[in-house]
Amino acid sequence: MNTLFDILMKEGNSKLAIRYAKRIIKDNKDMLSSRIAPGTKVYALVEELTKYLSQEEQKRFVL
């Protein structure tokens, strides 16, 4: 889908998704990441990649 990112940015809430993902990892800190479901560290990648966005676009991701 060519418009998937645009749909997610319009309809979704990236800040909330990152917050929830961090909470899942934190709540299961004694477990291996591979054992946490649904738990990935994709949020860390998203946070790293937002450094390359304009300051205006970063506001959609950074808490």
PDB file of N, CA and C in Angstrom:
ATOM      1  N   MET A   1       0.835  -1.178   0.000  1.00  0.00           N
ATOM      2  CA  MET A   1       0.000   0.000   0.000  1.00  0.00           C
ATOM      3  C   MET A   1       0.883   1.247   0.000  1.00  0.00           C
ATOM      4  N   ASN A   2       0.781   2.029  -1.001  1.00  0.00           N
ATOM      5  CA  ASN A   2       1.614   3.223  -1.120  1.00  0.00           C
ATOM      6  C   ASN A   2       1.263   4.301  -0.101  1.00  0.00           C
ATOM      7  N   THR A   3       0.058   4.290   0.389  1.00  0.00           N
ATOM      8  CA  THR A   3      -0.394   5.355   1.292  1.00  0.00           C
ATOM      9  C   THR A   3      -0.444   4.917   2.758  1.00  0.00           C
ATOM     10  N   LEU A   4       0.114   3.763   3.064  1.00  0.00           N
ATOM     11  CA  LEU A   4       0.021   3.224   4.422  1.00  0.00           C
ATOM     12  C   LEU A   4       0.593   4.181   5.463  1.00  0.00           C
ATOM     13  N   PHE A   5       1.779   4.725   5.214  1.00  0.00           N
ATOM     14  CA  PHE A   5       2.391   5.641   6.179  1.00  0.00           C
ATOM     15  C   PHE A   5       1.504   6.863   6.403  1.00  0.00           C
ATOM     16  N   ASP A   6       0.971   7.420   5.325  1.00  0.00           N
ATOM     17  CA  ASP A   6       0.097   8.591   5.444  1.00  0.00           C
ATOM     18  C   ASP A   6      -1.151   8.278   6.259  1.00  0.00           C
ATOM     19  N   ILE A   7      -1.718   7.099   6.047  1.00  0.00           N
ATOM     20  CA  ILE A   7      -2.900   6.687   6.805  1.00  0.00           C
ATOM     21  C   ILE A   7      -2.555   6.540   8.285  1.00  0.00           C
ATOM     22  N   LEU A   8      -1.436   5.890   8.579  1.00  0.00           N
ATOM     23  CA  LEU A   8      -1.026   5.704   9.974  1.00  0.00           C
ATOM     24  C   LEU A   8      -0.773   7.038  10.666  1.00  0.00           C
ATOM     25  N   MET A   9      -0.162   7.973   9.958  1.00  0.00           N
ATOM     26  CA  MET A   9       0.128   9.267  10.561  1.00  0.00           C
ATOM     27  C   MET A   9      -1.145  10.088  10.768  1.00  0.00           C
ATOM     28  N   LYS A  10      -2.126   9.899   9.905  1.00  0.00           N
ATOM     29  CA  LYS A  10      -3.375  10.652  10.033  1.00  0.00           C
ATOM     30  C   LYS A  10      -4.300  10.023  11.078  1.00  0.00           C
ATOM     31  N   GLU A  11      -4.417   8.711  11.056  1.00  0.00           N
ATOM     32  CA  GLU A  11      -5.382   8.015  11.909  1.00  0.00           C
ATOM     33  C   GLU A  11      -4.776   7.491  13.213  1.00  0.00           C
ATOM     34  N   GLY A  12      -3.476   7.257  13.221  1.00  0.00           N
ATOM     35  CA  GLY A  12      -2.831   6.665  14.388  1.00  0.00           C
ATOM     36  C   GLY A  12      -2.284   7.711  15.340  1.00  0.00           C
ATOM     37  N   ASN A  13      -1.657   7.235  16.398  1.00  0.00           N
ATOM     38  CA  ASN A  13      -1.040   8.103  17.391  1.00  0.00           C
ATOM     39  C   ASN A  13       0.325   7.519  17.715  1.00  0.00           C
ATOM     40  N   SER A  14       1.342   8.001  17.016  1.00  0.00           N
ATOM     41  CA  SER A  14       2.671   7.425  17.161  1.00  0.00           C
ATOM     42  C   SER A  14       3.248   7.635  18.559  1.00  0.00           C
ATOM     43  N   LYS A  15       2.980   8.771  19.177  1.00  0.00           N
ATOM     44  CA  LYS A  15       3.476   9.011  20.538  1.00  0.00           C
ATOM     45  C   LYS A  15       2.892   7.987  21.509  1.00  0.00           C
ATOM     46  N   LEU A  16       1.614   7.727  21.380  1.00  0.00           N
ATOM     47  CA  LEU A  16       0.956   6.763  22.256  1.00  0.00           C
ATOM     48  C   LEU A  16       1.480   5.350  21.997  1.00  0.00           C
ATOM     49  N   ALA A  17       1.690   5.009  20.746  1.00  0.00           N
ATOM     50  CA  ALA A  17       2.215   3.684  20.411  1.00  0.00           C
ATOM     51  C   ALA A  17       3.606   3.475  21.001  1.00  0.00           C
ATOM     52  N   ILE A  18       4.439   4.497  20.935  1.00  0.00           N
ATOM     53  CA  ILE A  18       5.785   4.402  21.515  1.00  0.00           C
ATOM     54  C   ILE A  18       5.693   4.256  23.027  1.00  0.00           C
ATOM     55  N   ARG A  19       4.810   5.019  23.652  1.00  0.00           N
ATOM     56  CA  ARG A  19       4.644   4.926  25.110  1.00  0.00           C
ATOM     57  C   ARG A  19       4.199   3.528  25.525  1.00  0.00           C
ATOM     58  N   TYR A  20       3.225   2.969  24.815  1.00  0.00           N
ATOM     59  CA  TYR A  20       2.744   1.614  25.126  1.00  0.00           C
ATOM     60  C   TYR A  20       3.845   0.577  24.926  1.00  0.00           C
ATOM     61  N   ALA A  21       4.607   0.707  23.844  1.00  0.00           N
ATOM     62  CA  ALA A  21       5.681  -0.250  23.570  1.00  0.00           C
ATOM     63  C   ALA A  21       6.732  -0.219  24.675  1.00  0.00           C
ATOM     64  N   LYS A  22       7.087   0.971  25.121  1.00  0.00           N
ATOM     65  CA  LYS A  22       8.071   1.092  26.210  1.00  0.00           C
ATOM     66  C   LYS A  22       7.537   0.472  27.494  1.00  0.00           C
ATOM     67  N   ARG A  23       6.251   0.654  27.754  1.00  0.00           N
ATOM     68  CA  ARG A  23       5.662   0.103  28.974  1.00  0.00           C
ATOM     69  C   ARG A  23       5.661  -1.421  28.948  1.00  0.00           C
ATOM     70  N   ILE A  24       5.359  -1.994  27.787  1.00  0.00           N
ATOM     71  CA  ILE A  24       5.371  -3.460  27.663  1.00  0.00           C
ATOM     72  C   ILE A  24       6.763  -4.001  27.959  1.00  0.00           C
ATOM     73  N   ILE A  25       7.781  -3.361  27.395  1.00  0.00           N
ATOM     74  CA  ILE A  25       9.158  -3.805  27.642  1.00  0.00           C
ATOM     75  C   ILE A  25       9.518  -3.624  29.117  1.00  0.00           C
ATOM     76  N   LYS A  26       9.163  -2.477  29.685  1.00  0.00           N
ATOM     77  CA  LYS A  26       9.480  -2.199  31.091  1.00  0.00           C
ATOM     78  C   LYS A  26       8.781  -3.192  32.023  1.00  0.00           C
ATOM     79  N   ASP A  27       7.507  -3.474  31.765  1.00  0.00           N
ATOM     80  CA  ASP A  27       6.745  -4.383  32.615  1.00  0.00           C
ATOM     81  C   ASP A  27       7.260  -5.819  32.549  1.00  0.00           C
ATOM     82  N   ASN A  28       8.010  -6.127  31.508  1.00  0.00           N
ATOM     83  CA  ASN A  28       8.537  -7.483  31.334  1.00  0.00           C
ATOM     84  C   ASN A  28      10.061  -7.482  31.297  1.00  0.00           C
ATOM     85  N   LYS A  29      10.666  -6.582  32.054  1.00  0.00           N
ATOM     86  CA  LYS A  29      12.115  -6.388  31.983  1.00  0.00           C
ATOM     87  C   LYS A  29      12.931  -7.621  32.357  1.00  0.00           C
ATOM     88  N   ASP A  30      12.338  -8.541  33.087  1.00  0.00           N
ATOM     89  CA  ASP A  30      13.063  -9.742  33.484  1.00  0.00           C
ATOM     90  C   ASP A  30      13.008 -10.846  32.431  1.00  0.00           C
ATOM     91  N   MET A  31      12.287 -10.595  31.354  1.00  0.00           N
ATOM     92  CA  MET A  31      12.152 -11.587  30.287  1.00  0.00           C
ATOM     93  C   MET A  31      13.026 -11.204  29.095  1.00  0.00           C
ATOM     94  N   LEU A  32      13.390 -12.201  28.304  1.00  0.00           N
ATOM     95  CA  LEU A  32      14.080 -11.931  27.050  1.00  0.00           C
ATOM     96  C   LEU A  32      13.123 -11.225  26.099  1.00  0.00           C
ATOM     97  N   SER A  33      13.639 -10.313  25.315  1.00  0.00           N
ATOM     98  CA  SER A  33      12.796  -9.592  24.366  1.00  0.00           C
ATOM     99  C   SER A  33      12.046 -10.534  23.442  1.00  0.00           C
ATOM    100  N   SER A  34      12.692 -11.629  23.078  1.00  0.00           N
ATOM    101  CA  SER A  34      12.067 -12.588  22.165  1.00  0.00           C
ATOM    102  C   SER A  34      10.890 -13.322  22.804  1.00  0.00           C
ATOM    103  N   ARG A  35      10.774 -13.272  24.128  1.00  0.00           N
ATOM    104  CA  ARG A  35       9.688 -13.954  24.845  1.00  0.00           C
ATOM    105  C   ARG A  35       8.499 -13.038  25.143  1.00  0.00           C
ATOM    106  N   ILE A  36       8.676 -11.745  24.933  1.00  0.00           N
ATOM    107  CA  ILE A  36       7.626 -10.784  25.242  1.00  0.00           C
ATOM    108  C   ILE A  36       6.697 -10.662  24.032  1.00  0.00           C
ATOM    109  N   ALA A  37       5.427 -10.947  24.233  1.00  0.00           N
ATOM    110  CA  ALA A  37       4.464 -10.851  23.135  1.00  0.00           C
ATOM    111  C   ALA A  37       3.274 -10.031  23.602  1.00  0.00           C
ATOM    112  N   PRO A  38       2.875  -8.979  23.002  1.00  0.00           N
ATOM    113  CA  PRO A  38       3.528  -8.363  21.847  1.00  0.00           C
ATOM    114  C   PRO A  38       4.572  -7.368  22.325  1.00  0.00           C
ATOM    115  N   GLY A  39       5.799  -7.646  22.183  1.00  0.00           N
ATOM    116  CA  GLY A  39       6.837  -6.730  22.629  1.00  0.00           C
ATOM    117  C   GLY A  39       8.022  -6.721  21.702  1.00  0.00           C
ATOM    118  N   THR A  40       8.227  -5.628  21.059  1.00  0.00           N
ATOM    119  CA  THR A  40       9.412  -5.462  20.219  1.00  0.00           C
ATOM    120  C   THR A  40      10.069  -4.153  20.609  1.00  0.00           C
ATOM    121  N   LYS A  41      11.251  -3.956  20.131  1.00  0.00           N
ATOM    122  CA  LYS A  41      11.938  -2.696  20.387  1.00  0.00           C
ATOM    123  C   LYS A  41      11.987  -1.849  19.117  1.00  0.00           C
ATOM    124  N   VAL A  42      10.979  -2.007  18.285  1.00  0.00           N
ATOM    125  CA  VAL A  42      10.879  -1.203  17.069  1.00  0.00           C
ATOM    126  C   VAL A  42      10.785   0.274  17.434  1.00  0.00           C
ATOM    127  N   TYR A  43      10.189   0.575  18.580  1.00  0.00           N
ATOM    128  CA  TYR A  43      10.090   1.969  19.004  1.00  0.00           C
ATOM    129  C   TYR A  43      11.463   2.628  19.088  1.00  0.00           C
ATOM    130  N   ALA A  44      12.488   1.877  19.483  1.00  0.00           N
ATOM    131  CA  ALA A  44      13.847   2.426  19.577  1.00  0.00           C
ATOM    132  C   ALA A  44      14.365   2.807  18.192  1.00  0.00           C
ATOM    133  N   LEU A  45      14.061   1.998  17.207  1.00  0.00           N
ATOM    134  CA  LEU A  45      14.431   2.311  15.830  1.00  0.00           C
ATOM    135  C   LEU A  45      13.702   3.559  15.351  1.00  0.00           C
ATOM    136  N   VAL A  46      12.415   3.634  15.639  1.00  0.00           N
ATOM    137  CA  VAL A  46      11.624   4.811  15.243  1.00  0.00           C
ATOM    138  C   VAL A  46      12.190   6.061  15.900  1.00  0.00           C
ATOM    139  N   GLU A  47      12.510   5.979  17.186  1.00  0.00           N
ATOM    140  CA  GLU A  47      13.072   7.142  17.879  1.00  0.00           C
ATOM    141  C   GLU A  47      14.404   7.564  17.259  1.00  0.00           C
ATOM    142  N   GLU A  48      15.218   6.603  16.889  1.00  0.00           N
ATOM    143  CA  GLU A  48      16.507   6.911  16.265  1.00  0.00           C
ATOM    144  C   GLU A  48      16.313   7.559  14.891  1.00  0.00           C
ATOM    145  N   LEU A  49      15.391   7.028  14.111  1.00  0.00           N
ATOM    146  CA  LEU A  49      15.167   7.550  12.762  1.00  0.00           C
ATOM    147  C   LEU A  49      14.532   8.930  12.762  1.00  0.00           C
ATOM    148  N   THR A  50      13.800   9.271  13.819  1.00  0.00           N
ATOM    149  CA  THR A  50      13.168  10.595  13.856  1.00  0.00           C
ATOM    150  C   THR A  50      14.200  11.715  13.917  1.00  0.00           C
ATOM    151  N   LYS A  51      15.419  11.392  14.287  1.00  0.00           N
ATOM    152  CA  LYS A  51      16.476  12.406  14.328  1.00  0.00           C
ATOM    153  C   LYS A  51      16.733  12.994  12.938  1.00  0.00           C
ATOM    154  N   TYR A  52      16.349  12.265  11.919  1.00  0.00           N
ATOM    155  CA  TYR A  52      16.593  12.702  10.545  1.00  0.00           C
ATOM    156  C   TYR A  52      15.396  13.449   9.949  1.00  0.00           C
ATOM    157  N   LEU A  53      14.363  13.622  10.723  1.00  0.00           N
ATOM    158  CA  LEU A  53      13.182  14.362  10.268  1.00  0.00           C
ATOM    159  C   LEU A  53      13.324  15.836  10.631  1.00  0.00           C
ATOM    160  N   SER A  54      12.524  16.660  10.001  1.00  0.00           N
ATOM    161  CA  SER A  54      12.501  18.070  10.370  1.00  0.00           C
ATOM    162  C   SER A  54      11.951  18.194  11.790  1.00  0.00           C
ATOM    163  N   GLN A  55      12.202  19.322  12.420  1.00  0.00           N
ATOM    164  CA  GLN A  55      11.720  19.522  13.791  1.00  0.00           C
ATOM    165  C   GLN A  55      10.203  19.443  13.863  1.00  0.00           C
ATOM    166  N   GLU A  56       9.537  19.930  12.840  1.00  0.00           N
ATOM    167  CA  GLU A  56       8.071  19.878  12.809  1.00  0.00           C
ATOM    168  C   GLU A  56       7.587  18.431  12.765  1.00  0.00           C
ATOM    169  N   GLU A  57       8.223  17.607  11.938  1.00  0.00           N
ATOM    170  CA  GLU A  57       7.824  16.198  11.830  1.00  0.00           C
ATOM    171  C   GLU A  57       8.169  15.427  13.093  1.00  0.00           C
ATOM    172  N   GLN A  58       9.265  15.790  13.763  1.00  0.00           N
ATOM    173  CA  GLN A  58       9.673  15.110  14.998  1.00  0.00           C
ATOM    174  C   GLN A  58       8.619  15.238  16.083  1.00  0.00           C
ATOM    175  N   LYS A  59       7.881  16.318  16.086  1.00  0.00           N
ATOM    176  CA  LYS A  59       6.857  16.529  17.113  1.00  0.00           C
ATOM    177  C   LYS A  59       5.793  15.445  17.106  1.00  0.00           C
ATOM    178  N   ARG A  60       5.627  14.762  15.974  1.00  0.00           N
ATOM    179  CA  ARG A  60       4.627  13.701  15.875  1.00  0.00           C
ATOM    180  C   ARG A  60       5.082  12.420  16.559  1.00  0.00           C
ATOM    181  N   PHE A  61       6.400  12.334  16.856  1.00  0.00           N
ATOM    182  CA  PHE A  61       6.940  11.104  17.415  1.00  0.00           C
ATOM    183  C   PHE A  61       7.521  11.268  18.825  1.00  0.00           C
ATOM    184  N   VAL A  62       8.146  12.368  19.092  1.00  0.00           N
ATOM    185  CA  VAL A  62       8.889  12.552  20.341  1.00  0.00           C
ATOM    186  C   VAL A  62       7.945  12.991  21.448  1.00  0.00           C
ATOM    187  N   LEU A  63       8.076  12.340  22.592  1.00  0.00           N
ATOM    188  CA  LEU A  63       7.223  12.672  23.744  1.00  0.00           C
ATOM    189  C   LEU A  63       7.694  13.943  24.413  1.00  0.00           C
TER     190      LEU A  63
END
